[in-house]
Amino acid sequence: MSARPIGDYAMLSDCRSAALVTSDGSVDWLCLPRFDSLAIFARLLDEEAGCWTIRPACPAEVTRRYVEDTLVLETTFRTREGTLVLLDALTLRAGQNVGQAWAPDPPRRTSWAVARRIRDTVAGWRSWSRGHADYEGPWRRHVNHSGRVLRAMTYAPTGAMVAAVTTSLPESIGGERNWDYRYTWVRDASFTLHALNTATCEEEETAFFTFLSRVCATQVDAGPDLQIMYGIGGERDLSERRPSHLWGWRDSAPVRVGNDAWRQRQLDVYGELLDAAHQTYRDIGPFDPLTRSLLIGVAETAARRRQEPDQSLWEVRGSSRHFTHSKLMCWVGLDRAIALAPVLGAASRVADWTRVRDEIHAAILTRGWNEQAGAFTQTFETAASCADDVGLLSEEADG
């Protein structure tokens, strides 16, 4: 069982996949050609699951850093006999945009050719960084690096962003809540778009919202529940399986490939998508007709299904309940749709949306508040804390 902490890993990316590298030069996680492909190296999840290592044969003092303005990792080993500097990268070719790197059958390369690819990769990341360095404010260096990380977690062919580049890392050591997060969650949209905007990643912001609007549009039109998550290529079926030959990080089984939460009804996603649209509109410009139709349909669905039970953001794998957070996010969806009505061409729907929004507001205050606990409940049926931070209790929230 590995004693290595997760925080020891550094990430490499070519904006199609990612690798995780330990502080002593071992690639313990690599999926190719996509983030969600099967792992080539998986020692992250099992000591016997393979790795690729370059390090001195003798003890060494180790330091590492990312080469300035890049995601090229420089690890320095200092030994009694000398110093070794190791450069790790998922490489790009000269003139290539970040995200166009993978070749399925790469040729054998000379040391000179490898060095050239590393130089090209450094140049590619620095070129991208120069084009996304407009942020002015506190922690500028950290914000700029966070922008590179967000870019690194973006699947360049579609604009989708993974929630994580890994699967099956547990919520608690030895626990079973070990999910595959190599997909795009609708719930993350507003937070992701805000982060991209802060890091001045306008192209990535537009691409991500466009991806979401396209994959969601056909489902809303067809009538079933809006999925909570999608594959990075727009896939809908993310059926889960459990490879039995892997023990899991620190024996935290099961290891999962896929995520069966895609089947769940989670009504909060309607509010999340409309909140993302409300937040993004001023940055990405007018919505096209398909997106306008989608957002009107999402608001109508939130209004129609607001009284139905679901699994909510906790993704409980049990019976559906009336989760307070889901009702709250239906309120958010209608509140944002009302604000967006002029640009959606939906002025005729504002009166009905306002009426339903106010009904949800009243229901949360009467059925979702526990006076004895002095807190909102997790569900309308049970008493557990739930917070408000999206304006439900503001003076204007009653319409």
Protein backbone atom coordinates (compact mmCIF):
# COMPACT_ATOMS: atom_id res chain seq x y z
CA MET A 1 0.00 0.00 0.00
CA SER A 2 1.42 3.37 -1.03
CA ALA A 3 2.16 5.88 1.72
CA ARG A 4 2.63 8.70 -0.82
CA PRO A 5 0.24 11.61 -0.24
CA ILE A 6 -1.85 12.83 -3.15
CA GLY A 7 -0.31 16.27 -2.71
CA ASP A 8 3.06 14.88 -3.79
CA TYR A 9 1.89 14.63 -7.40
CA ALA A 10 2.43 17.30 -10.06
CA MET A 11 0.26 17.43 -13.18
CA LEU A 12 1.30 17.49 -16.82
CA SER A 13 -1.16 18.07 -19.66
CA ASP A 14 -1.45 18.53 -23.40
CA CYS A 15 -5.11 19.58 -23.07
CA ARG A 16 -6.30 16.16 -24.17
CA SER A 17 -4.99 14.03 -21.35
CA ALA A 18 -2.90 14.35 -18.20
CA ALA A 19 -0.11 12.66 -16.27
CA LEU A 20 0.72 12.76 -12.57
CA VAL A 21 4.38 12.76 -11.57
CA THR A 22 5.84 12.16 -8.11
CA SER A 23 8.51 14.33 -6.52
CA ASP A 24 11.09 11.60 -7.20
CA GLY A 25 10.43 11.41 -10.94
CA SER A 26 7.85 8.65 -11.35
CA VAL A 27 4.90 8.93 -13.73
CA ASP A 28 2.26 7.11 -11.67
CA TRP A 29 -0.83 8.08 -13.69
CA LEU A 30 -1.26 8.48 -17.44
CA CYS A 31 -4.33 7.92 -19.61
CA LEU A 32 -4.07 8.15 -23.41
CA PRO A 33 -5.29 9.49 -25.71
CA ARG A 34 -7.98 11.19 -23.57
CA PHE A 35 -8.45 12.13 -19.93
CA ASP A 36 -11.06 9.36 -19.60
CA SER A 37 -9.14 6.64 -21.47
CA LEU A 38 -7.87 3.54 -19.73
CA ALA A 39 -4.67 4.15 -17.79
CA ILE A 40 -1.31 3.18 -19.23
CA PHE A 41 0.40 3.81 -15.87
CA ALA A 42 -1.80 3.47 -12.77
CA ARG A 43 0.46 3.06 -9.75
CA LEU A 44 -1.57 5.89 -8.23
CA LEU A 45 -4.27 3.27 -7.62
CA ASP A 46 -2.18 0.15 -7.04
CA GLU A 47 1.52 -0.40 -6.35
CA GLU A 48 1.63 -3.09 -9.06
CA ALA A 49 -0.23 -1.13 -11.74
CA GLY A 50 2.77 0.31 -13.56
CA CYS A 51 4.83 3.49 -13.69
CA TRP A 52 7.64 5.14 -15.67
CA THR A 53 10.56 6.38 -13.60
CA ILE A 54 13.73 8.35 -14.23
CA ARG A 55 15.81 9.10 -11.12
CA PRO A 56 19.35 8.67 -9.79
CA ALA A 57 20.26 5.22 -8.50
CA CYS A 58 21.62 6.75 -5.27
CA PRO A 59 20.00 8.94 -2.59
CA ALA A 60 19.36 12.52 -3.65
CA GLU A 61 18.05 15.83 -2.40
CA VAL A 62 15.08 16.73 -4.61
CA THR A 63 13.56 20.07 -5.56
CA ARG A 64 11.14 20.84 -8.35
CA ARG A 65 9.19 23.62 -10.03
CA TYR A 66 7.26 24.35 -13.17
CA VAL A 67 9.36 26.14 -15.77
CA GLU A 68 8.16 29.73 -15.68
CA ASP A 69 4.78 30.30 -17.38
CA THR A 70 4.46 26.64 -18.40
CA LEU A 71 3.30 23.22 -17.25
CA VAL A 72 6.72 21.73 -18.01
CA LEU A 73 8.00 20.20 -14.79
CA GLU A 74 11.66 20.60 -13.80
CA THR A 75 12.90 18.23 -11.09
CA THR A 76 16.45 18.64 -9.75
CA PHE A 77 18.24 15.75 -8.03
CA ARG A 78 21.41 16.63 -6.09
CA THR A 79 23.63 13.70 -5.16
CA ARG A 80 27.19 13.32 -3.88
CA GLU A 81 28.31 12.49 -7.41
CA GLY A 82 26.56 15.35 -9.19
CA THR A 83 23.28 17.01 -10.17
CA LEU A 84 20.58 15.68 -12.50
CA VAL A 85 17.88 17.95 -13.95
CA LEU A 86 14.81 16.10 -15.26
CA LEU A 87 12.24 17.78 -17.50
CA ASP A 88 8.78 16.18 -17.76
CA ALA A 89 6.08 17.29 -20.19
CA LEU A 90 3.29 16.07 -22.39
CA THR A 91 4.85 17.65 -25.42
CA LEU A 92 3.74 19.91 -28.25
CA ARG A 93 5.23 20.44 -31.68
CA ALA A 94 6.59 23.73 -33.04
CA GLY A 95 3.82 26.10 -34.08
CA GLN A 96 1.21 23.97 -32.35
CA ASN A 97 -1.47 25.44 -30.14
CA VAL A 98 -1.71 24.06 -26.64
CA GLY A 99 -4.06 21.08 -26.96
CA GLN A 100 -2.94 19.65 -30.32
CA ALA A 101 -0.23 17.25 -29.23
CA TRP A 102 -1.29 13.61 -29.24
CA ALA A 103 -0.06 11.30 -32.02
CA PRO A 104 -1.31 7.69 -31.77
CA ASP A 105 1.85 6.11 -33.20
CA PRO A 106 4.80 8.40 -32.47
CA PRO A 107 8.11 7.56 -34.12
CA ARG A 108 11.29 6.80 -32.23
CA ARG A 109 13.14 10.01 -31.45
CA THR A 110 16.75 11.00 -31.01
CA SER A 111 17.83 12.92 -27.92
CA TRP A 112 18.10 16.03 -30.11
CA ALA A 113 14.51 15.59 -31.29
CA VAL A 114 13.27 15.09 -27.72
CA ALA A 115 15.05 18.26 -26.60
CA ARG A 116 13.46 20.16 -29.48
CA ARG A 117 9.99 18.92 -28.49
CA ILE A 118 10.58 20.08 -24.93
CA ARG A 119 11.64 23.51 -26.21
CA ASP A 120 8.56 23.66 -28.41
CA THR A 121 6.35 22.75 -25.46
CA VAL A 122 7.88 25.45 -23.28
CA ALA A 123 7.34 27.94 -26.13
CA GLY A 124 3.73 26.76 -26.61
CA TRP A 125 2.77 27.21 -22.96
CA ARG A 126 4.54 30.56 -22.74
CA SER A 127 2.75 31.79 -25.84
CA TRP A 128 -0.59 30.76 -24.31
CA SER A 129 0.34 32.39 -20.99
CA ARG A 130 1.25 35.69 -22.66
CA GLY A 131 -2.16 35.76 -24.28
CA HIS A 132 -3.90 35.21 -20.93
CA ALA A 133 -2.03 37.55 -18.61
CA ASP A 134 -4.45 40.48 -18.37
CA TYR A 135 -5.54 39.83 -14.79
CA GLU A 136 -4.58 42.69 -12.47
CA GLY A 137 -5.19 42.18 -8.78
CA PRO A 138 -4.12 40.27 -5.68
CA TRP A 139 -2.14 37.04 -6.08
CA ARG A 140 -1.53 37.71 -9.78
CA ARG A 141 1.09 34.98 -10.21
CA HIS A 142 -1.17 32.40 -8.58
CA VAL A 143 -4.20 33.45 -10.62
CA ASN A 144 -2.19 33.18 -13.84
CA HIS A 145 -0.96 29.72 -12.88
CA SER A 146 -4.53 28.71 -12.00
CA GLY A 147 -5.52 29.76 -15.51
CA ARG A 148 -2.93 27.36 -16.92
CA VAL A 149 -4.29 24.58 -14.71
CA LEU A 150 -7.83 25.24 -15.95
CA ARG A 151 -6.53 25.15 -19.51
CA ALA A 152 -4.73 21.91 -18.73
CA MET A 153 -7.99 20.34 -17.56
CA THR A 154 -9.79 21.35 -20.76
CA TYR A 155 -10.30 18.80 -23.53
CA ALA A 156 -9.27 20.99 -26.46
CA PRO A 157 -11.29 19.29 -29.25
CA THR A 158 -14.62 20.14 -27.59
CA GLY A 159 -13.98 22.75 -24.89
CA ALA A 160 -15.21 20.40 -22.13
CA MET A 161 -13.51 20.59 -18.75
CA VAL A 162 -12.99 17.60 -16.48
CA ALA A 163 -13.79 17.87 -12.78
CA ALA A 164 -10.51 16.02 -12.10
CA VAL A 165 -7.91 14.15 -14.13
CA THR A 166 -8.19 11.08 -11.89
CA THR A 167 -10.64 8.41 -10.84
CA SER A 168 -11.27 6.61 -7.55
CA LEU A 169 -9.40 8.85 -5.11
CA PRO A 170 -11.46 8.45 -1.93
CA GLU A 171 -13.27 10.97 0.22
CA SER A 172 -11.75 9.15 3.19
CA ILE A 173 -8.99 6.52 3.32
CA GLY A 174 -10.47 3.05 3.11
CA GLY A 175 -13.91 4.42 2.19
CA GLU A 176 -16.12 3.45 -0.73
CA ARG A 177 -17.03 6.93 -2.01
CA ASN A 178 -14.42 6.74 -4.76
CA TRP A 179 -15.85 8.24 -7.91
CA ASP A 180 -14.60 8.78 -11.45
CA TYR A 181 -14.42 12.54 -11.99
CA ARG A 182 -12.94 12.60 -15.51
CA TYR A 183 -16.14 14.09 -16.92
CA THR A 184 -17.91 17.44 -17.16
CA TRP A 185 -20.55 18.32 -14.55
CA VAL A 186 -23.24 20.87 -15.39
CA ARG A 187 -23.23 21.82 -11.70
CA ASP A 188 -19.67 23.11 -11.96
CA ALA A 189 -20.52 25.44 -14.83
CA SER A 190 -21.03 28.76 -13.08
CA PHE A 191 -17.99 28.31 -10.82
CA THR A 192 -15.84 27.20 -13.75
CA LEU A 193 -16.92 30.07 -15.96
CA HIS A 194 -16.29 32.57 -13.19
CA ALA A 195 -12.80 31.16 -12.66
CA LEU A 196 -12.04 31.25 -16.39
CA ASN A 197 -13.23 34.83 -16.57
CA THR A 198 -11.09 35.87 -13.60
CA ALA A 199 -8.05 34.23 -15.18
CA THR A 200 -8.81 36.07 -18.49
CA CYS A 201 -9.40 32.81 -20.37
CA GLU A 202 -12.09 34.23 -22.68
CA GLU A 203 -11.69 31.65 -25.46
CA GLU A 204 -11.90 28.79 -22.98
CA GLU A 205 -14.93 30.39 -21.30
CA THR A 206 -16.77 30.63 -24.61
CA ALA A 207 -15.79 27.11 -25.67
CA PHE A 208 -16.92 25.60 -22.36
CA PHE A 209 -20.32 27.30 -22.39
CA THR A 210 -20.79 26.37 -26.06
CA PHE A 211 -20.01 22.73 -25.24
CA LEU A 212 -22.55 22.71 -22.40
CA SER A 213 -25.28 24.38 -24.42
CA ARG A 214 -24.85 21.95 -27.31
CA VAL A 215 -24.84 18.74 -25.26
CA CYS A 216 -27.78 19.89 -23.13
CA ALA A 217 -29.93 21.19 -25.99
CA THR A 218 -31.00 17.86 -27.49
CA GLN A 219 -32.02 16.43 -24.11
CA VAL A 220 -34.17 19.40 -23.15
CA ASP A 221 -35.88 19.27 -26.55
CA ALA A 222 -36.47 15.52 -26.26
CA GLY A 223 -38.13 15.81 -22.86
CA PRO A 224 -36.15 13.60 -20.43
CA ASP A 225 -34.30 14.92 -17.40
CA LEU A 226 -31.28 17.07 -18.15
CA GLN A 227 -28.21 14.97 -17.41
CA ILE A 228 -25.99 16.17 -14.58
CA MET A 229 -22.77 15.22 -16.38
CA TYR A 230 -21.39 14.35 -19.82
CA GLY A 231 -18.33 12.77 -21.33
CA ILE A 232 -15.71 15.17 -22.64
CA GLY A 233 -16.67 14.27 -26.20
CA GLY A 234 -20.36 14.84 -25.43
CA GLU A 235 -21.05 11.21 -24.49
CA ARG A 236 -24.18 10.55 -22.44
CA ASP A 237 -23.77 6.91 -21.39
CA LEU A 238 -21.08 6.89 -18.69
CA SER A 239 -21.92 3.46 -17.29
CA GLU A 240 -19.76 2.45 -14.37
CA ARG A 241 -17.65 -0.67 -13.95
CA ARG A 242 -15.27 -1.79 -11.22
CA PRO A 243 -11.96 -3.37 -12.33
CA SER A 244 -11.27 -5.94 -9.65
CA HIS A 245 -7.51 -6.19 -10.24
CA LEU A 246 -6.81 -2.74 -8.75
CA TRP A 247 -6.72 -2.30 -4.97
CA GLY A 248 -7.27 1.47 -4.95
CA TRP A 249 -5.29 4.32 -3.41
CA ARG A 250 -4.25 3.16 0.07
CA ASP A 251 -6.54 0.14 -0.37
CA SER A 252 -9.60 2.33 -0.85
CA ALA A 253 -11.76 0.07 -2.99
CA PRO A 254 -13.58 -0.14 -5.28
CA VAL A 255 -11.80 1.47 -8.20
CA ARG A 256 -14.39 2.79 -10.64
CA VAL A 257 -14.30 3.53 -14.37
CA GLY A 258 -17.36 5.49 -15.40
CA ASN A 259 -19.88 7.14 -13.10
CA ASP A 260 -23.45 5.89 -12.69
CA ALA A 261 -24.54 9.25 -11.30
CA TRP A 262 -25.24 10.16 -14.95
CA ARG A 263 -28.50 8.23 -14.57
CA GLN A 264 -29.74 10.29 -11.61
CA ARG A 265 -32.34 13.00 -11.50
CA GLN A 266 -30.79 16.09 -9.94
CA LEU A 267 -33.07 19.06 -10.39
CA ASP A 268 -30.46 21.59 -9.29
CA VAL A 269 -28.75 21.40 -12.70
CA TYR A 270 -31.46 23.55 -14.27
CA GLY A 271 -30.57 26.38 -11.95
CA GLU A 272 -26.85 25.80 -12.40
CA LEU A 273 -27.09 26.08 -16.18
CA LEU A 274 -29.24 29.22 -16.12
CA ASP A 275 -26.95 30.79 -13.51
CA ALA A 276 -23.98 30.04 -15.77
CA ALA A 277 -25.75 31.66 -18.72
CA HIS A 278 -26.64 34.71 -16.62
CA GLN A 279 -23.05 35.05 -15.49
CA THR A 280 -21.56 34.51 -18.94
CA TYR A 281 -23.83 36.58 -21.17
CA ARG A 282 -21.93 39.83 -20.84
CA ASP A 283 -18.64 38.08 -21.60
CA ILE A 284 -19.49 35.90 -24.59
CA GLY A 285 -22.00 38.16 -26.31
CA PRO A 286 -25.52 37.50 -27.68
CA PHE A 287 -26.87 33.95 -27.53
CA ASP A 288 -27.60 32.22 -30.81
CA PRO A 289 -31.15 30.95 -31.49
CA LEU A 290 -30.33 27.39 -30.37
CA THR A 291 -28.99 28.61 -27.02
CA ARG A 292 -31.95 30.93 -26.47
CA SER A 293 -34.34 28.06 -27.12
CA LEU A 294 -32.36 25.83 -24.77
CA LEU A 295 -32.39 28.30 -21.89
CA ILE A 296 -36.12 28.97 -22.23
CA GLY A 297 -36.70 25.21 -22.21
CA VAL A 298 -34.52 24.80 -19.12
CA ALA A 299 -36.52 27.47 -17.27
CA GLU A 300 -39.81 25.85 -18.28
CA THR A 301 -38.57 22.47 -17.09
CA ALA A 302 -37.41 23.86 -13.75
CA ALA A 303 -40.85 25.39 -13.25
CA ARG A 304 -42.65 22.18 -14.23
CA ARG A 305 -40.55 19.77 -12.14
CA ARG A 306 -39.86 21.88 -9.07
CA GLN A 307 -42.15 19.77 -6.87
CA GLU A 308 -40.62 16.43 -7.82
CA PRO A 309 -38.10 14.51 -5.66
CA ASP A 310 -34.53 13.85 -6.79
CA GLN A 311 -31.05 12.71 -5.67
CA SER A 312 -29.67 16.27 -5.49
CA LEU A 313 -26.04 17.35 -5.51
CA TRP A 314 -25.10 14.72 -2.91
CA GLU A 315 -25.80 12.08 -5.58
CA VAL A 316 -27.31 9.72 -3.00
CA ARG A 317 -27.63 6.24 -4.42
CA GLY A 318 -30.96 5.56 -2.78
CA SER A 319 -34.56 6.72 -2.92
CA SER A 320 -35.38 10.19 -4.18
CA ARG A 321 -36.26 12.93 -1.68
CA HIS A 322 -37.32 16.56 -1.67
CA PHE A 323 -33.90 18.16 -1.20
CA THR A 324 -33.96 21.79 -0.14
CA HIS A 325 -30.91 22.59 -2.28
CA SER A 326 -32.66 21.31 -5.42
CA LYS A 327 -35.69 23.51 -4.72
CA LEU A 328 -33.35 26.43 -4.11
CA MET A 329 -31.61 25.92 -7.45
CA CYS A 330 -34.95 25.76 -9.27
CA TRP A 331 -35.60 29.17 -7.67
CA VAL A 332 -32.18 30.33 -8.91
CA GLY A 333 -32.97 29.09 -12.42
CA LEU A 334 -36.23 30.99 -12.65
CA ASP A 335 -34.72 34.09 -11.05
CA ARG A 336 -31.92 34.12 -13.64
CA ALA A 337 -34.33 33.34 -16.49
CA ILE A 338 -36.44 36.36 -15.50
CA ALA A 339 -33.31 38.54 -15.60
CA LEU A 340 -32.35 37.10 -18.99
CA ALA A 341 -35.85 37.30 -20.49
CA PRO A 342 -35.15 40.41 -22.62
CA VAL A 343 -32.18 38.78 -24.37
CA LEU A 344 -33.96 35.42 -24.64
CA GLY A 345 -37.02 36.96 -26.29
CA ALA A 346 -39.12 35.51 -23.45
CA ALA A 347 -40.93 38.56 -22.06
CA SER A 348 -44.24 36.71 -22.33
CA ARG A 349 -43.03 34.07 -19.84
CA VAL A 350 -41.92 36.47 -17.09
CA ALA A 351 -45.26 36.59 -15.27
CA ASP A 352 -45.53 32.80 -14.99
CA TRP A 353 -41.83 32.41 -14.08
CA THR A 354 -42.22 35.06 -11.38
CA ARG A 355 -45.27 33.34 -9.90
CA VAL A 356 -43.54 29.95 -9.75
CA ARG A 357 -40.32 31.47 -8.40
CA ASP A 358 -42.27 33.03 -5.54
CA GLU A 359 -44.04 29.74 -4.82
CA ILE A 360 -40.68 28.02 -4.47
CA HIS A 361 -39.47 30.80 -2.19
CA ALA A 362 -42.47 30.30 0.08
CA ALA A 363 -42.08 26.51 0.10
CA ILE A 364 -38.44 26.69 1.15
CA LEU A 365 -39.21 29.08 4.00
CA THR A 366 -42.14 27.00 5.27
CA ARG A 367 -40.95 23.43 4.59
CA GLY A 368 -37.18 23.77 4.44
CA TRP A 369 -36.55 25.76 7.62
CA ASN A 370 -36.23 24.14 11.04
CA GLU A 371 -36.95 26.72 13.71
CA GLN A 372 -35.60 24.57 16.54
CA ALA A 373 -32.28 23.98 14.77
CA GLY A 374 -32.16 27.53 13.47
CA ALA A 375 -31.12 26.19 10.07
CA PHE A 376 -32.42 25.11 6.71
CA THR A 377 -32.89 21.37 6.41
CA GLN A 378 -31.19 19.08 3.93
CA THR A 379 -34.58 17.88 2.75
CA PHE A 380 -38.17 18.87 3.33
CA GLU A 381 -38.48 15.57 5.24
CA THR A 382 -35.40 15.69 7.49
CA ALA A 383 -33.41 18.17 9.60
CA ALA A 384 -29.82 18.82 8.49
CA SER A 385 -28.15 22.14 7.81
CA CYS A 386 -28.39 23.81 4.42
CA ALA A 387 -27.03 27.29 3.68
CA ASP A 388 -28.25 30.16 1.54
CA ASP A 389 -25.74 32.15 -0.45
CA VAL A 390 -27.46 32.97 -3.72
CA GLY A 391 -29.86 35.72 -2.62
CA LEU A 392 -32.94 33.76 -1.49
CA LEU A 393 -33.20 35.77 1.73
CA SER A 394 -32.40 39.17 0.27
CA GLU A 395 -34.98 41.91 0.59
CA GLU A 396 -35.67 41.68 -3.14
CA ALA A 397 -36.05 37.90 -3.24
CA ASP A 398 -39.81 37.93 -2.68
CA GLY A 399 -40.18 39.36 -6.19
